[in-house]
Structures are given as structure tokens and as C-alpha cells.
C-alpha atoms as a PDB file:
ATOM      1  CA  MET A   1       0.269  -0.228   0.124  1.00  0.00           C
ATOM      2  CA  THR A   2       1.255   3.283  -0.486  1.00  0.00           C
ATOM      3  CA  GLU A   3       1.765   6.223   1.632  1.00  0.00           C
ATOM      4  CA  ILE A   4      -1.766   7.014   3.061  1.00  0.00           C
ATOM      5  CA  GLN A   5      -2.582  10.737   2.300  1.00  0.00           C
ATOM      6  CA  VAL A   6      -4.298  13.126   4.916  1.00  0.00           C
ATOM      7  CA  LYS A   7      -5.932  16.236   4.830  1.00  0.00           C
ATOM      8  CA  ILE A   8      -6.937  18.253   7.344  1.00  0.00           C
ATOM      9  CA  CYS A   9     -10.073  20.411   6.690  1.00  0.00           C
ATOM     10  CA  GLY A  10     -11.818  23.018   7.862  1.00  0.00           C
ATOM     11  CA  ILE A  11      -8.627  25.329   8.142  1.00  0.00           C
ATOM     12  CA  THR A  12      -9.629  28.763   9.652  1.00  0.00           C
ATOM     13  CA  ASN A  13      -6.704  30.025  11.005  1.00  0.00           C
ATOM     14  CA  PHE A  14      -2.782  30.179  10.423  1.00  0.00           C
ATOM     15  CA  ASP A  15      -1.686  28.348  13.780  1.00  0.00           C
ATOM     16  CA  ASP A  16      -3.610  25.365  12.994  1.00  0.00           C
ATOM     17  CA  ALA A  17      -2.834  24.958   9.288  1.00  0.00           C
ATOM     18  CA  ARG A  18       1.076  25.428  10.683  1.00  0.00           C
ATOM     19  CA  VAL A  19       0.248  22.524  13.199  1.00  0.00           C
ATOM     20  CA  ALA A  20      -0.924  20.418  10.775  1.00  0.00           C
ATOM     21  CA  LEU A  21       1.890  21.256   8.524  1.00  0.00           C
ATOM     22  CA  GLU A  22       4.382  20.008  10.834  1.00  0.00           C
ATOM     23  CA  ALA A  23       2.104  17.217  11.667  1.00  0.00           C
ATOM     24  CA  GLY A  24       2.515  15.914   8.523  1.00  0.00           C
ATOM     25  CA  ALA A  25      -0.739  16.780   6.405  1.00  0.00           C
ATOM     26  CA  ASP A  26      -0.158  16.259   2.780  1.00  0.00           C
ATOM     27  CA  TYR A  27      -3.748  18.517   1.924  1.00  0.00           C
ATOM     28  CA  LEU A  28      -5.264  21.548   3.725  1.00  0.00           C
ATOM     29  CA  GLY A  29      -8.872  22.266   3.539  1.00  0.00           C
ATOM     30  CA  PHE A  30     -11.071  25.923   3.558  1.00  0.00           C
ATOM     31  CA  ILE A  31     -14.506  25.819   3.534  1.00  0.00           C
ATOM     32  CA  LEU A  32     -15.679  28.005   1.092  1.00  0.00           C
ATOM     33  CA  TYR A  33     -19.252  27.527   1.694  1.00  0.00           C
ATOM     34  CA  SER A  34     -20.811  30.744   3.741  1.00  0.00           C
ATOM     35  CA  LYS A  35     -23.499  28.500   6.051  1.00  0.00           C
ATOM     36  CA  SER A  36     -21.040  26.453   7.369  1.00  0.00           C
ATOM     37  CA  PRO A  37     -19.354  27.099  11.376  1.00  0.00           C
ATOM     38  CA  ARG A  38     -16.151  26.346   9.178  1.00  0.00           C
ATOM     39  CA  TYR A  39     -16.545  29.023   6.512  1.00  0.00           C
ATOM     40  CA  THR A  40     -13.728  31.146   5.714  1.00  0.00           C
ATOM     41  CA  PRO A  41     -13.707  33.966   3.864  1.00  0.00           C
ATOM     42  CA  PRO A  42     -12.083  34.240   0.236  1.00  0.00           C
ATOM     43  CA  GLU A  43      -9.623  37.267   1.804  1.00  0.00           C
ATOM     44  CA  LYS A  44      -8.754  35.262   4.907  1.00  0.00           C
ATOM     45  CA  VAL A  45      -7.903  32.059   3.235  1.00  0.00           C
ATOM     46  CA  LYS A  46      -5.548  33.850   0.799  1.00  0.00           C
ATOM     47  CA  GLN A  47      -4.077  35.435   3.769  1.00  0.00           C
ATOM     48  CA  ILE A  48      -3.429  32.174   5.164  1.00  0.00           C
ATOM     49  CA  ARG A  49      -1.660  30.741   2.073  1.00  0.00           C
ATOM     50  CA  VAL A  50       0.824  33.835   2.254  1.00  0.00           C
ATOM     51  CA  ASP A  51       1.384  33.114   5.843  1.00  0.00           C
ATOM     52  CA  ILE A  52       1.935  29.994   5.055  1.00  0.00           C
ATOM     53  CA  GLY A  53       4.302  30.399   2.377  1.00  0.00           C
ATOM     54  CA  HIS A  54       6.221  32.931   4.196  1.00  0.00           C
ATOM     55  CA  TRP A  55       6.378  30.932   7.268  1.00  0.00           C
ATOM     56  CA  ALA A  56       7.909  27.911   5.149  1.00  0.00           C
ATOM     57  CA  SER A  57      10.322  30.070   3.657  1.00  0.00           C
ATOM     58  CA  GLU A  58      11.624  31.617   6.543  1.00  0.00           C
ATOM     59  CA  ARG A  59      12.025  28.187   8.333  1.00  0.00           C
ATOM     60  CA  SER A  60      13.656  26.732   5.148  1.00  0.00           C
ATOM     61  CA  THR A  61      16.416  29.780   5.417  1.00  0.00           C
ATOM     62  CA  SER A  62      16.942  29.267   9.534  1.00  0.00           C
ATOM     63  CA  LEU A  63      19.085  26.623  11.261  1.00  0.00           C
ATOM     64  CA  PRO A  64      17.473  23.279  11.338  1.00  0.00           C
ATOM     65  CA  ASN A  65      15.105  22.156  13.619  1.00  0.00           C
ATOM     66  CA  THR A  66      15.407  18.356  14.685  1.00  0.00           C
ATOM     67  CA  GLN A  67      12.240  18.605  16.638  1.00  0.00           C
ATOM     68  CA  TYR A  68      10.119  20.015  13.808  1.00  0.00           C
ATOM     69  CA  PRO A  69      11.937  19.386  10.203  1.00  0.00           C
ATOM     70  CA  ILE A  70      11.306  21.803   7.842  1.00  0.00           C
ATOM     71  CA  PRO A  71       7.641  20.787   5.806  1.00  0.00           C
ATOM     72  CA  ILE A  72       6.771  19.662   2.621  1.00  0.00           C
ATOM     73  CA  LEU A  73       3.950  21.912   1.615  1.00  0.00           C
ATOM     74  CA  PRO A  74       0.560  20.570   0.636  1.00  0.00           C
ATOM     75  CA  ARG A  75      -2.150  20.959  -1.751  1.00  0.00           C
ATOM     76  CA  PHE A  76      -4.252  23.399  -0.963  1.00  0.00           C
ATOM     77  CA  VAL A  77      -7.872  22.746  -1.065  1.00  0.00           C
ATOM     78  CA  GLY A  78     -10.949  24.761  -1.239  1.00  0.00           C
ATOM     79  CA  VAL A  79     -14.572  23.305  -0.629  1.00  0.00           C
ATOM     80  CA  PHE A  80     -16.918  24.691  -2.448  1.00  0.00           C
ATOM     81  CA  VAL A  81     -21.217  24.092  -2.218  1.00  0.00           C
ATOM     82  CA  ASN A  82     -23.810  24.274  -5.242  1.00  0.00           C
ATOM     83  CA  GLU A  83     -21.345  27.622  -6.651  1.00  0.00           C
ATOM     84  CA  THR A  84     -20.757  28.234 -10.393  1.00  0.00           C
ATOM     85  CA  ALA A  85     -17.694  27.225 -11.993  1.00  0.00           C
ATOM     86  CA  GLU A  86     -17.155  30.520 -13.166  1.00  0.00           C
ATOM     87  CA  TYR A  87     -16.896  31.494  -9.492  1.00  0.00           C
ATOM     88  CA  ILE A  88     -15.120  28.501  -8.489  1.00  0.00           C
ATOM     89  CA  SER A  89     -12.516  29.439 -11.362  1.00  0.00           C
ATOM     90  CA  GLU A  90     -12.266  32.791 -10.093  1.00  0.00           C
ATOM     91  CA  ILE A  91     -11.793  31.986  -6.226  1.00  0.00           C
ATOM     92  CA  LEU A  92      -9.150  29.691  -6.879  1.00  0.00           C
ATOM     93  CA  THR A  93      -6.772  31.986  -8.789  1.00  0.00           C
ATOM     94  CA  PHE A  94      -7.667  34.420  -5.936  1.00  0.00           C
ATOM     95  CA  THR A  95      -6.488  32.491  -3.325  1.00  0.00           C
ATOM     96  CA  SER A  96      -3.904  30.083  -4.739  1.00  0.00           C
ATOM     97  CA  LEU A  97      -5.549  27.237  -4.081  1.00  0.00           C
ATOM     98  CA  ASP A  98      -4.709  24.238  -6.197  1.00  0.00           C
ATOM     99  CA  TYR A  99      -8.182  22.137  -5.965  1.00  0.00           C
ATOM    100  CA  ALA A 100     -11.676  22.353  -5.299  1.00  0.00           C
ATOM    101  CA  GLN A 101     -13.629  20.209  -3.417  1.00  0.00           C
ATOM    102  CA  ILE A 102     -17.127  19.693  -4.791  1.00  0.00           C
ATOM    103  CA  HIS A 103     -19.419  19.275  -2.289  1.00  0.00           C
ATOM    104  CA  GLY A 104     -23.001  19.926  -3.279  1.00  0.00           C
ATOM    105  CA  ASP A 105     -24.953  18.773  -5.916  1.00  0.00           C
ATOM    106  CA  GLU A 106     -23.319  19.424  -8.920  1.00  0.00           C
ATOM    107  CA  SER A 107     -23.410  17.478 -11.907  1.00  0.00           C
ATOM    108  CA  PRO A 108     -20.517  15.249 -13.928  1.00  0.00           C
ATOM    109  CA  ASP A 109     -20.911  17.957 -16.581  1.00  0.00           C
ATOM    110  CA  PHE A 110     -20.365  20.300 -14.033  1.00  0.00           C
ATOM    111  CA  LEU A 111     -17.345  18.897 -13.155  1.00  0.00           C
ATOM    112  CA  ARG A 112     -16.069  18.364 -16.645  1.00  0.00           C
ATOM    113  CA  GLN A 113     -15.965  22.383 -16.591  1.00  0.00           C
ATOM    114  CA  LEU A 114     -13.458  22.481 -13.662  1.00  0.00           C
ATOM    115  CA  ALA A 115     -11.178  19.507 -15.527  1.00  0.00           C
ATOM    116  CA  GLY A 116      -7.789  18.975 -13.982  1.00  0.00           C
ATOM    117  CA  LYS A 117      -9.158  21.375 -10.745  1.00  0.00           C
ATOM    118  CA  ALA A 118     -11.616  19.554  -8.910  1.00  0.00           C
ATOM    119  CA  TYR A 119     -13.135  16.357  -7.662  1.00  0.00           C
ATOM    120  CA  LYS A 120     -16.594  15.500  -5.963  1.00  0.00           C
ATOM    121  CA  ALA A 121     -17.604  14.485  -2.413  1.00  0.00           C
ATOM    122  CA  VAL A 122     -20.408  12.408  -2.639  1.00  0.00           C
ATOM    123  CA  ARG A 123     -22.147  11.554   0.149  1.00  0.00           C
ATOM    124  CA  PRO A 124     -24.540   8.787  -0.839  1.00  0.00           C
ATOM    125  CA  ALA A 125     -27.689   7.173   1.289  1.00  0.00           C
ATOM    126  CA  ASP A 126     -26.937   3.660   0.532  1.00  0.00           C
ATOM    127  CA  ALA A 127     -24.613   1.191  -0.979  1.00  0.00           C
ATOM    128  CA  GLU A 128     -26.224   1.368  -4.549  1.00  0.00           C
ATOM    129  CA  GLY A 129     -25.960   5.026  -4.378  1.00  0.00           C
ATOM    130  CA  ALA A 130     -22.290   4.936  -3.570  1.00  0.00           C
ATOM    131  CA  ARG A 131     -21.606   2.790  -6.578  1.00  0.00           C
ATOM    132  CA  THR A 132     -23.677   4.933  -9.278  1.00  0.00           C
ATOM    133  CA  GLU A 133     -22.518   7.853  -7.768  1.00  0.00           C
ATOM    134  CA  ALA A 134     -18.591   7.018  -7.304  1.00  0.00           C
ATOM    135  CA  SER A 135     -19.271   5.593 -11.344  1.00  0.00           C
ATOM    136  CA  ARG A 136     -20.469   9.090 -12.310  1.00  0.00           C
ATOM    137  CA  PHE A 137     -17.591  10.880 -10.687  1.00  0.00           C
ATOM    138  CA  ALA A 138     -14.748   9.092 -10.056  1.00  0.00           C
ATOM    139  CA  PRO A 139     -13.448   9.259 -13.785  1.00  0.00           C
ATOM    140  CA  LEU A 140     -13.830  12.654 -13.376  1.00  0.00           C
ATOM    141  CA  GLY A 141     -11.366  13.338 -10.640  1.00  0.00           C
ATOM    142  CA  LEU A 142      -7.984  14.398 -10.786  1.00  0.00           C
ATOM    143  CA  ALA A 143      -5.114  12.750 -12.230  1.00  0.00           C
ATOM    144  CA  ASP A 144      -2.670  13.820  -9.479  1.00  0.00           C
ATOM    145  CA  GLY A 145      -4.607  13.337  -6.640  1.00  0.00           C
ATOM    146  CA  PRO A 146      -7.698  12.473  -5.201  1.00  0.00           C
ATOM    147  CA  GLN A 147     -10.607  10.763  -7.817  1.00  0.00           C
ATOM    148  CA  LEU A 148     -13.477  10.696  -5.321  1.00  0.00           C
ATOM    149  CA  MET A 149     -14.875  11.802  -1.794  1.00  0.00           C
ATOM    150  CA  ILE A 150     -16.947   9.169   0.131  1.00  0.00           C
ATOM    151  CA  ASP A 151     -18.875  11.224   2.991  1.00  0.00           C
ATOM    152  CA  ALA A 152     -21.030  10.015   5.332  1.00  0.00           C
ATOM    153  CA  TYR A 153     -24.685  10.531   4.487  1.00  0.00           C
ATOM    154  CA  ASP A 154     -26.900  13.763   5.991  1.00  0.00           C
ATOM    155  CA  PRO A 155     -30.214  14.774   4.233  1.00  0.00           C
ATOM    156  CA  ALA A 156     -29.709  18.312   5.129  1.00  0.00           C
ATOM    157  CA  GLU A 157     -25.962  19.052   5.792  1.00  0.00           C
ATOM    158  CA  TYR A 158     -22.837  19.463   3.209  1.00  0.00           C
ATOM    159  CA  GLY A 159     -20.157  17.617   5.423  1.00  0.00           C
ATOM    160  CA  GLY A 160     -18.486  18.366   8.644  1.00  0.00           C
ATOM    161  CA  THR A 161     -21.065  16.287  10.849  1.00  0.00           C
ATOM    162  CA  GLY A 162     -18.974  13.705  12.531  1.00  0.00           C
ATOM    163  CA  LYS A 163     -21.590  10.996  10.925  1.00  0.00           C
ATOM    164  CA  LYS A 164     -19.520   7.670   9.996  1.00  0.00           C
ATOM    165  CA  ALA A 165     -19.427   6.643   6.491  1.00  0.00           C
ATOM    166  CA  ASP A 166     -20.502   3.372   5.649  1.00  0.00           C
ATOM    167  CA  TRP A 167     -16.769   1.607   5.381  1.00  0.00           C
ATOM    168  CA  HIS A 168     -17.799  -1.454   3.774  1.00  0.00           C
ATOM    169  CA  VAL A 169     -19.151   0.447   1.403  1.00  0.00           C
ATOM    170  CA  GLY A 170     -16.026   2.520   0.751  1.00  0.00           C
ATOM    171  CA  ALA A 171     -13.701  -0.062   0.823  1.00  0.00           C
ATOM    172  CA  GLU A 172     -15.485  -1.769  -2.525  1.00  0.00           C
ATOM    173  CA  LEU A 173     -14.921   1.625  -3.995  1.00  0.00           C
ATOM    174  CA  ALA A 174     -11.461   1.851  -2.814  1.00  0.00           C
ATOM    175  CA  ALA A 175     -10.552  -1.698  -4.405  1.00  0.00           C
ATOM    176  CA  ARG A 176     -12.198   0.272  -7.712  1.00  0.00           C
ATOM    177  CA  TYR A 177     -11.074   3.594  -7.671  1.00  0.00           C
ATOM    178  CA  PRO A 178      -7.332   3.804  -6.404  1.00  0.00           C
ATOM    179  CA  ARG A 179      -7.351   7.202  -5.337  1.00  0.00           C
ATOM    180  CA  MET A 180     -10.374   7.638  -2.870  1.00  0.00           C
ATOM    181  CA  MET A 181     -10.673   9.586   0.032  1.00  0.00           C
ATOM    182  CA  LEU A 182     -12.628   8.507   2.981  1.00  0.00           C
ATOM    183  CA  ALA A 183     -14.158  11.102   4.963  1.00  0.00           C
ATOM    184  CA  GLY A 184     -17.463  11.356   7.499  1.00  0.00           C
ATOM    185  CA  GLY A 185     -16.328  10.403  11.427  1.00  0.00           C
ATOM    186  CA  LEU A 186     -13.093   9.649  11.074  1.00  0.00           C
ATOM    187  CA  THR A 187     -11.001  10.738  14.702  1.00  0.00           C
ATOM    188  CA  PRO A 188      -7.532   9.783  16.149  1.00  0.00           C
ATOM    189  CA  ALA A 189      -9.092   7.088  17.846  1.00  0.00           C
ATOM    190  CA  ASN A 190     -11.030   5.230  15.036  1.00  0.00           C
ATOM    191  CA  VAL A 191      -8.732   6.520  11.807  1.00  0.00           C
ATOM    192  CA  ALA A 192      -6.655   3.323  12.242  1.00  0.00           C
ATOM    193  CA  GLN A 193      -9.428   0.876  11.588  1.00  0.00           C
ATOM    194  CA  ALA A 194     -10.819   2.787   9.098  1.00  0.00           C
ATOM    195  CA  ILE A 195      -7.462   2.493   7.071  1.00  0.00           C
ATOM    196  CA  HIS A 196      -6.903  -0.906   7.598  1.00  0.00           C
ATOM    197  CA  THR A 197     -10.811  -1.988   6.593  1.00  0.00           C
ATOM    198  CA  VAL A 198     -11.193   0.414   3.452  1.00  0.00           C
ATOM    199  CA  GLN A 199      -7.980   0.463   2.431  1.00  0.00           C
ATOM    200  CA  PRO A 200      -8.118   4.337   0.966  1.00  0.00           C
ATOM    201  CA  TRP A 201      -5.908   6.576  -0.371  1.00  0.00           C
ATOM    202  CA  ALA A 202      -6.690   9.479   1.546  1.00  0.00           C
ATOM    203  CA  VAL A 203      -8.554  10.177   4.809  1.00  0.00           C
ATOM    204  CA  ASP A 204     -10.192  13.250   5.451  1.00  0.00           C
ATOM    205  CA  VAL A 205     -10.877  14.505   8.817  1.00  0.00           C
ATOM    206  CA  SER A 206     -12.588  18.017  10.066  1.00  0.00           C
ATOM    207  CA  SER A 207     -14.655  18.149  13.298  1.00  0.00           C
ATOM    208  CA  GLY A 208     -12.758  14.755  14.179  1.00  0.00           C
ATOM    209  CA  VAL A 209     -10.015  17.095  15.382  1.00  0.00           C
ATOM    210  CA  GLU A 210     -11.654  20.145  16.606  1.00  0.00           C
ATOM    211  CA  ALA A 211     -11.998  21.758  19.664  1.00  0.00           C
ATOM    212  CA  ALA A 212     -14.802  23.056  18.378  1.00  0.00           C
ATOM    213  CA  PRO A 213     -16.266  24.046  15.324  1.00  0.00           C
ATOM    214  CA  GLY A 214     -13.174  25.837  13.259  1.00  0.00           C
ATOM    215  CA  HIS A 215     -10.830  25.590  15.627  1.00  0.00           C
ATOM    216  CA  LYS A 216      -8.215  22.826  15.795  1.00  0.00           C
ATOM    217  CA  ASP A 217      -7.261  20.506  19.083  1.00  0.00           C
ATOM    218  CA  HIS A 218      -3.906  20.548  18.068  1.00  0.00           C
ATOM    219  CA  ASN A 219      -3.122  17.904  20.472  1.00  0.00           C
ATOM    220  CA  ALA A 220      -5.905  15.848  18.486  1.00  0.00           C
ATOM    221  CA  VAL A 221      -4.529  16.936  15.019  1.00  0.00           C
ATOM    222  CA  ARG A 222      -1.174  15.568  15.458  1.00  0.00           C
ATOM    223  CA  ALA A 223      -2.496  12.330  16.883  1.00  0.00           C
ATOM    224  CA  PHE A 224      -4.802  11.737  14.009  1.00  0.00           C
ATOM    225  CA  ILE A 225      -2.169  12.181  11.338  1.00  0.00           C
ATOM    226  CA  ARG A 226       0.425  10.488  13.375  1.00  0.00           C
ATOM    227  CA  ALA A 227      -2.113   6.903  13.722  1.00  0.00           C
ATOM    228  CA  ALA A 228      -2.938   7.501  10.094  1.00  0.00           C
ATOM    229  CA  LYS A 229       0.937   7.726   9.014  1.00  0.00           C
ATOM    230  CA  GLU A 230       1.468   4.866  11.342  1.00  0.00           C
ATOM    231  CA  SER A 231      -1.626   2.536  10.123  1.00  0.00           C
ATOM    232  CA  GLU A 232       0.621   1.177   6.893  1.00  0.00           C
ATOM    233  CA  GLN A 233       3.499  -0.239   9.153  1.00  0.00           C
END
């Protein structure tokens, strides 16, 4: 199994981003959906992105720090819900984010408009729905990143609910789509078991490492990434 990728989502401030980077996060996610308690305006996302760049540059020119080595910058992801493709493209450019995670009711045709810059998060209500959604969206995902995210079903909320996804269905889809990202109800306590059961390419966490919505528990972030990375051994 290749090295598991870890996405820390719902980042709202530089300190949380820094801790995630030092701990080894591969992806950082920013919620650009105004109804979310983790919503971060584009202007603030842009500033965090700039601050991360400055911080990494300063670290690279300082004396080596063996306790906290200089991290490799991750991929930066904006999470969008039911926006236009034009708006998403504009925000990706404005904020210098790498990718869009499309988390609403968008169609495959919508994803095609963002080819090479976006992947779909699906929240299937049952196994058959999961198979259908995966077959529609996974072929349109990123060539060098996630093909698809599987999240927990909720009839009203677009992610960040803390509900657990169906791991058995997730395992079936992970075997079929080699770069599937698993989300939904993951925590430092269960992520190793989730990886063992599902064998995903990546895991995503937001509420499972929070002290409060939009504010990370730094020890939980470190524990989650450590548990995910060590689960491969």
C-alpha cells in the first residue's frame, strides 16, 4: 500500500494550518461555503495561504530544527457547495488554492467544466447510491490527486457532521477506484481501523480533530496524522 494521504479540513487560521503542516498533513482544506460554521472568506484564505508560504520560506533559511523538520508544503483545497464553475475558478485563482472539492448537488457535466482542478465529494444514502455516484464522478477526478471523496450521508448538511461513512461500501469503492478519499466521522481513535478496513488512498478529517467548530485541537491533529501514517506499518 502506498503512503496514506491525510487531509485536515476546515482550516480557519494560520496556527491550525501550521500545526497540521508540522505534523505531516498532505492536504489542507478551507470551507468556502458561507452556511458552514467553518466558513472562511476568500480574503482570509488568501492571507493564510500567503502566511504559510512566508513561514515555510523562513523555516528553510533558519538553522535546522531536528524536532520539527521543515515540512513539504501540501496541496491546498477549497470546499465549495452549489457555486458556479466561473466563481470557483475565480476563487481558486484569487486564493492560490490548488483544487476544488465539490461538495453539493453538482452534476458530472459541472465537474467537467473544472477538469483537472476539482474532484467530487459524494454523500450516498445507501450502497447502491454509492456505487452509482462513484461511477459517475470518479472518472472525472484529479489525475494527480483524489478521484473521489466518500462522506457520510446527511439529508440536510454538506459534510462536517461527525457522522461515520459506511466503511464496507467504502472498501468496495476503494478497491475499484485507487485514489479514493474517505471522510465522515474519523477521529484519532478510529482512523487506523478505518484505513485497515477500507484501504483508502487518503483520509479526511474536520470535526474529529476540533476543540470547537472552526478551531482545531492541536494535540488531536497530531494524534490523527500520527495514527494514520503509522497504520501503514
